[in-house]
Amino acid sequence: MSEQLTAGAVANLLNSYFGAIAAVVHEHHGVIDKYIGDAVMAFWTPPFSAGDAHASDACLAALAQQEAIVALRAQLPEITGMRRSPPTLVIRMGIATGEAVVGTIGSEAARSYTVIGDTVNLASRLESINKIYDTSIILSEETFRLAQQVIEARELDLITVAGKTEPVRIYEAMGHAGELKPEQSALRDRFACGLAAYRRQDWDEAQTHFESCLGTNMEDGPSQLFLKRIALLRNTPPPADWNGIWHLSEK
C-alpha cells in the first residue's frame, strides 16, 4: 500500500488505523502491548479482564475491530488523499489463550510492560495463517472454549504451525452469538460435515460438502482450500492411520 502513498499519507493512514483499533481494545478491557510496523499486539488478562472473561473480551474486541475497519474504509479517500481507487484495507487477527509471563521486560536503559511465552508465538502464527485460509479471525481451541458463549465460530482444521510440534485445533470467529444469518449457519454445518468426511478420508463425500459450501458462498476460503487439498490427497493418499493433522511450514 505504501507504494501508492506519500510518506505523510502512510503516517495519516497508520495513525487513523491505530486509533480505531486501540479504542476498541480499551473498550473491551484489553492492553495495547506495542505497535509492530503496521501490526497491533494486545493482550487480555486479570485484573483488566475479570476471571475467565479475557478470551470473550478478546474475541468481542476482534469482531468490533473488524466493524471499525469497515467504517474506516469509507474515510480512506480523505485520509490518503486518493479520491480515485483508494487502497483496500483488510486486517487479519490471531487470538490464542494460555499461560504467559506478563511484566516488565528489557534492560536498564529501556523497559516495557509486555507479555511473552509460547502462547504469544501461537497467536502470531494464527494471525499469519489467515492468509492460507482466506479468513479474518482465527482462534486457538482454548480461546474458543472460553468464548463460545458469546461468539459464533466454526472449526477450521487441526494443524501444527511453524516452529511447533504439538497440533492445534483452530476455529474461525464468524460473529456474535445468536446473530449468524441462516446462510452462515448452513455454511458452518455443511463445512463441519465436510471436515468430518475429510478426516475419514472419504474424499467424495468431503468434496460434495465443500462444493455445497461454495454454493452458499462462492468466496469461502476454507472450502476452496480443502477442495485443493482433496485433489492433492487423491493423488498422494495419506497413510491408513492418518490423524487428519496438516503440517504448516509457513510463518
Protein backbone atom coordinates (compact mmCIF):
# COMPACT_ATOMS: atom_id res chain seq x y z
CA MET A 1 0.00 0.00 0.00
CA SER A 2 2.86 2.37 0.80
CA GLU A 3 3.97 2.24 -2.86
CA GLN A 4 0.82 4.16 -3.76
CA LEU A 5 1.06 6.75 -0.99
CA THR A 6 3.34 9.55 0.13
CA ALA A 7 5.11 9.15 3.47
CA GLY A 8 2.72 11.65 5.02
CA ALA A 9 -0.31 9.76 3.73
CA VAL A 10 1.08 6.50 5.15
CA ALA A 11 1.50 8.16 8.54
CA ASN A 12 -2.07 9.50 8.40
CA LEU A 13 -3.39 6.08 7.49
CA LEU A 14 -1.47 4.30 10.26
CA ASN A 15 -2.49 6.84 12.88
CA SER A 16 -6.14 6.56 11.85
CA TYR A 17 -5.95 2.76 11.86
CA PHE A 18 -4.15 2.53 15.20
CA GLY A 19 -6.58 4.99 16.73
CA ALA A 20 -9.62 2.97 15.64
CA ILE A 21 -8.12 -0.32 16.83
CA ALA A 22 -6.80 1.00 20.15
CA ALA A 23 -10.16 2.49 21.09
CA VAL A 24 -11.87 -0.88 20.63
CA VAL A 25 -9.17 -2.76 22.57
CA HIS A 26 -9.55 -0.41 25.52
CA GLU A 27 -13.35 -0.58 25.41
CA HIS A 28 -13.07 -4.35 25.77
CA HIS A 29 -10.63 -4.30 28.70
CA GLY A 30 -7.52 -5.06 26.65
CA VAL A 31 -3.98 -3.75 26.96
CA ILE A 32 -2.10 -2.43 23.93
CA ASP A 33 1.32 -4.05 24.16
CA LYS A 34 3.04 -2.47 21.17
CA TYR A 35 2.79 -1.45 17.55
CA ILE A 36 4.98 -3.53 15.25
CA GLY A 37 5.16 -1.84 11.87
CA ASP A 38 1.51 -1.85 10.83
CA ALA A 39 0.55 -4.55 13.36
CA VAL A 40 -1.05 -4.17 16.77
CA MET A 41 -0.20 -6.52 19.63
CA ALA A 42 -2.63 -6.57 22.55
CA PHE A 43 -3.42 -8.88 25.46
CA TRP A 44 -6.22 -9.57 27.89
CA THR A 45 -5.53 -10.67 31.43
CA PRO A 46 -6.75 -10.15 35.01
CA PRO A 47 -7.18 -7.72 36.64
CA PHE A 48 -8.14 -5.82 33.47
CA SER A 49 -10.44 -8.68 32.34
CA ALA A 50 -12.03 -10.35 35.35
CA GLY A 51 -11.87 -14.13 35.80
CA ASP A 52 -12.01 -16.11 32.55
CA ALA A 53 -13.61 -13.22 30.65
CA HIS A 54 -10.29 -12.45 28.93
CA ALA A 55 -11.00 -14.78 25.97
CA SER A 56 -14.52 -13.42 25.48
CA ASP A 57 -13.26 -9.84 25.72
CA ALA A 58 -10.55 -10.54 23.14
CA CYS A 59 -12.98 -12.16 20.69
CA LEU A 60 -15.59 -9.44 21.07
CA ALA A 61 -12.86 -6.85 20.55
CA ALA A 62 -11.74 -8.61 17.35
CA LEU A 63 -15.28 -8.58 15.95
CA ALA A 64 -15.71 -4.92 16.89
CA GLN A 65 -12.37 -4.06 15.29
CA GLN A 66 -13.46 -5.61 12.01
CA GLU A 67 -16.57 -3.42 12.16
CA ALA A 68 -14.40 -0.39 12.89
CA ILE A 69 -12.30 -1.13 9.81
CA VAL A 70 -15.43 -1.17 7.65
CA ALA A 71 -16.19 2.34 8.89
CA LEU A 72 -12.56 3.40 8.36
CA ARG A 73 -12.63 2.25 4.73
CA ALA A 74 -15.22 4.91 3.96
CA GLN A 75 -12.76 7.56 5.16
CA LEU A 76 -9.78 6.31 3.13
CA PRO A 77 -10.11 8.85 0.27
CA GLU A 78 -9.87 11.70 2.77
CA ILE A 79 -7.16 10.06 4.88
CA THR A 80 -4.91 9.08 1.98
CA GLY A 81 -5.68 11.90 -0.42
CA MET A 82 -6.58 9.33 -3.10
CA ARG A 83 -10.02 10.33 -4.37
CA ARG A 84 -9.98 7.63 -7.02
CA SER A 85 -9.26 3.97 -6.33
CA PRO A 86 -8.22 4.33 -2.67
CA PRO A 87 -6.24 1.36 -1.28
CA THR A 88 -8.07 -1.66 0.10
CA LEU A 89 -7.72 -2.05 3.87
CA VAL A 90 -8.01 -5.62 5.17
CA ILE A 91 -6.78 -6.82 8.57
CA ARG A 92 -6.14 -10.29 9.96
CA MET A 93 -6.21 -11.35 13.60
CA GLY A 94 -4.95 -14.31 15.60
CA ILE A 95 -6.04 -14.97 19.19
CA ALA A 96 -4.52 -17.61 21.47
CA THR A 97 -5.22 -18.33 25.14
CA GLY A 98 -2.83 -19.89 27.62
CA GLU A 99 -0.05 -19.28 30.09
CA ALA A 100 2.28 -16.33 29.56
CA VAL A 101 4.61 -14.12 31.52
CA VAL A 102 3.27 -10.60 31.97
CA GLY A 103 5.58 -7.96 33.35
CA THR A 104 8.37 -5.51 32.76
CA ILE A 105 10.98 -6.78 30.31
CA GLY A 106 14.08 -5.03 29.00
CA SER A 107 17.37 -3.52 30.03
CA GLU A 108 18.39 -0.75 32.41
CA ALA A 109 18.21 1.70 29.50
CA ALA A 110 14.79 0.71 28.15
CA ARG A 111 11.97 -1.38 29.57
CA SER A 112 8.42 -2.19 28.54
CA TYR A 113 5.39 -3.79 30.13
CA THR A 114 4.75 -6.76 27.86
CA VAL A 115 3.74 -10.40 27.59
CA ILE A 116 5.96 -13.26 26.42
CA GLY A 117 5.69 -17.01 26.01
CA ASP A 118 4.61 -19.78 23.65
CA THR A 119 1.00 -18.56 23.68
CA VAL A 120 2.15 -15.23 22.26
CA ASN A 121 4.05 -17.00 19.50
CA LEU A 122 0.99 -19.10 18.67
CA ALA A 123 -1.20 -16.02 18.36
CA SER A 124 1.29 -14.55 15.91
CA ARG A 125 1.23 -17.75 13.82
CA LEU A 126 -2.57 -17.79 13.81
CA GLU A 127 -2.69 -14.22 12.55
CA SER A 128 -0.40 -15.14 9.69
CA ILE A 129 -2.20 -18.30 8.57
CA ASN A 130 -5.38 -16.35 7.91
CA LYS A 131 -3.70 -15.79 4.55
CA ILE A 132 -3.80 -19.55 3.88
CA TYR A 133 -7.48 -19.99 4.80
CA ASP A 134 -8.57 -16.59 3.45
CA THR A 135 -10.15 -15.73 6.80
CA SER A 136 -10.01 -12.70 9.10
CA ILE A 137 -10.04 -14.02 12.68
CA ILE A 138 -8.55 -17.36 13.75
CA LEU A 139 -8.79 -18.61 17.33
CA SER A 140 -7.00 -21.34 19.23
CA GLU A 141 -9.11 -24.13 20.72
CA GLU A 142 -8.71 -22.80 24.27
CA THR A 143 -9.87 -19.35 23.19
CA PHE A 144 -12.95 -20.83 21.57
CA ARG A 145 -13.69 -23.00 24.61
CA LEU A 146 -13.78 -19.97 26.90
CA ALA A 147 -15.56 -17.62 24.48
CA GLN A 148 -18.11 -19.90 22.82
CA GLN A 149 -20.99 -18.45 24.84
CA VAL A 150 -20.54 -15.00 23.27
CA ILE A 151 -19.40 -15.75 19.70
CA GLU A 152 -20.27 -17.98 16.77
CA ALA A 153 -17.36 -19.91 15.24
CA ARG A 154 -16.58 -22.92 13.09
CA GLU A 155 -13.79 -25.41 13.43
CA LEU A 156 -11.34 -24.94 10.58
CA ASP A 157 -8.61 -27.54 10.93
CA LEU A 158 -6.20 -29.48 13.11
CA ILE A 159 -2.70 -28.25 12.36
CA THR A 160 0.85 -27.86 13.51
CA VAL A 161 2.17 -24.36 12.94
CA ALA A 162 5.73 -23.43 12.03
CA GLY A 163 8.07 -23.81 15.00
CA LYS A 164 5.71 -26.09 16.99
CA THR A 165 5.24 -29.85 17.13
CA GLU A 166 2.02 -30.11 19.13
CA PRO A 167 -1.14 -29.99 16.98
CA VAL A 168 -3.57 -27.11 17.45
CA ARG A 169 -7.28 -27.16 16.68
CA ILE A 170 -8.22 -23.83 15.14
CA TYR A 171 -11.52 -22.00 14.71
CA GLU A 172 -12.79 -19.07 12.67
CA ALA A 173 -14.77 -16.43 14.54
CA MET A 174 -17.88 -15.75 12.47
CA GLY A 175 -19.93 -13.30 14.55
CA HIS A 176 -21.72 -12.63 17.80
CA ALA A 177 -23.66 -15.42 19.49
CA GLY A 178 -27.13 -15.84 18.01
CA GLU A 179 -26.53 -13.36 15.19
CA LEU A 180 -25.48 -15.55 12.27
CA LYS A 181 -27.55 -15.27 9.12
CA PRO A 182 -29.28 -18.51 8.04
CA GLU A 183 -26.86 -18.95 5.15
CA GLN A 184 -23.90 -18.59 7.53
CA SER A 185 -25.32 -21.26 9.85
CA ALA A 186 -25.93 -23.55 6.88
CA LEU A 187 -22.37 -22.97 5.65
CA ARG A 188 -20.95 -23.84 9.07
CA ASP A 189 -22.98 -27.06 9.27
CA ARG A 190 -22.01 -28.17 5.77
CA PHE A 191 -18.37 -27.35 6.41
CA ALA A 192 -18.42 -29.45 9.61
CA CYS A 193 -19.78 -32.40 7.65
CA GLY A 194 -17.10 -31.92 5.02
CA LEU A 195 -14.39 -31.74 7.66
CA ALA A 196 -15.62 -34.98 9.28
CA ALA A 197 -15.62 -36.78 5.91
CA TYR A 198 -12.19 -35.39 5.08
CA ARG A 199 -10.77 -36.81 8.30
CA ARG A 200 -12.30 -40.20 7.44
CA GLN A 201 -10.54 -39.96 4.07
CA ASP A 202 -13.91 -40.13 2.34
CA TRP A 203 -12.83 -37.76 -0.39
CA ASP A 204 -16.03 -37.99 -2.47
CA GLU A 205 -18.32 -37.07 0.43
CA ALA A 206 -15.96 -34.35 1.66
CA GLN A 207 -15.77 -32.83 -1.83
CA THR A 208 -19.56 -32.82 -2.11
CA HIS A 209 -19.93 -30.95 1.19
CA PHE A 210 -17.24 -28.38 0.42
CA GLU A 211 -18.68 -27.75 -3.04
CA SER A 212 -22.04 -27.24 -1.35
CA CYS A 213 -20.39 -24.64 0.88
CA LEU A 214 -19.26 -22.78 -2.23
CA GLY A 215 -22.84 -22.93 -3.47
CA THR A 216 -23.76 -20.92 -0.39
CA ASN A 217 -20.72 -18.63 -0.54
CA MET A 218 -18.59 -18.96 -3.65
CA GLU A 219 -15.78 -16.98 -1.98
CA ASP A 220 -15.50 -19.18 1.14
CA GLY A 221 -11.73 -19.51 1.52
CA PRO A 222 -11.60 -22.59 3.80
CA SER A 223 -13.84 -24.61 1.44
CA GLN A 224 -11.68 -23.64 -1.54
CA LEU A 225 -8.58 -24.68 0.39
CA PHE A 226 -9.97 -28.09 1.34
CA LEU A 227 -11.04 -28.82 -2.21
CA LYS A 228 -7.46 -28.21 -3.31
CA ARG A 229 -6.20 -30.46 -0.52
CA ILE A 230 -8.58 -33.23 -1.52
CA ALA A 231 -7.30 -33.11 -5.09
CA LEU A 232 -3.77 -33.38 -3.73
CA LEU A 233 -4.60 -36.25 -1.35
CA ARG A 234 -6.38 -38.21 -4.07
CA ASN A 235 -3.09 -38.28 -5.98
CA THR A 236 -0.92 -38.82 -2.92
CA PRO A 237 -3.06 -40.64 -0.31
CA PRO A 238 -2.05 -40.34 3.35
CA PRO A 239 -1.33 -43.49 5.38
CA ALA A 240 -4.26 -45.52 6.68
CA ASP A 241 -3.65 -44.31 10.25
CA TRP A 242 -3.60 -40.63 9.20
CA ASN A 243 -4.90 -38.46 12.01
CA GLY A 244 -6.00 -35.53 9.87
CA ILE A 245 -3.27 -33.19 11.11
CA TRP A 246 -1.99 -30.78 8.46
CA HIS A 247 1.55 -29.51 8.89
CA LEU A 248 2.13 -25.86 8.01
CA SER A 249 5.68 -24.71 7.35
CA GLU A 250 4.95 -21.03 6.67
CA LYS A 251 5.23 -18.42 9.40
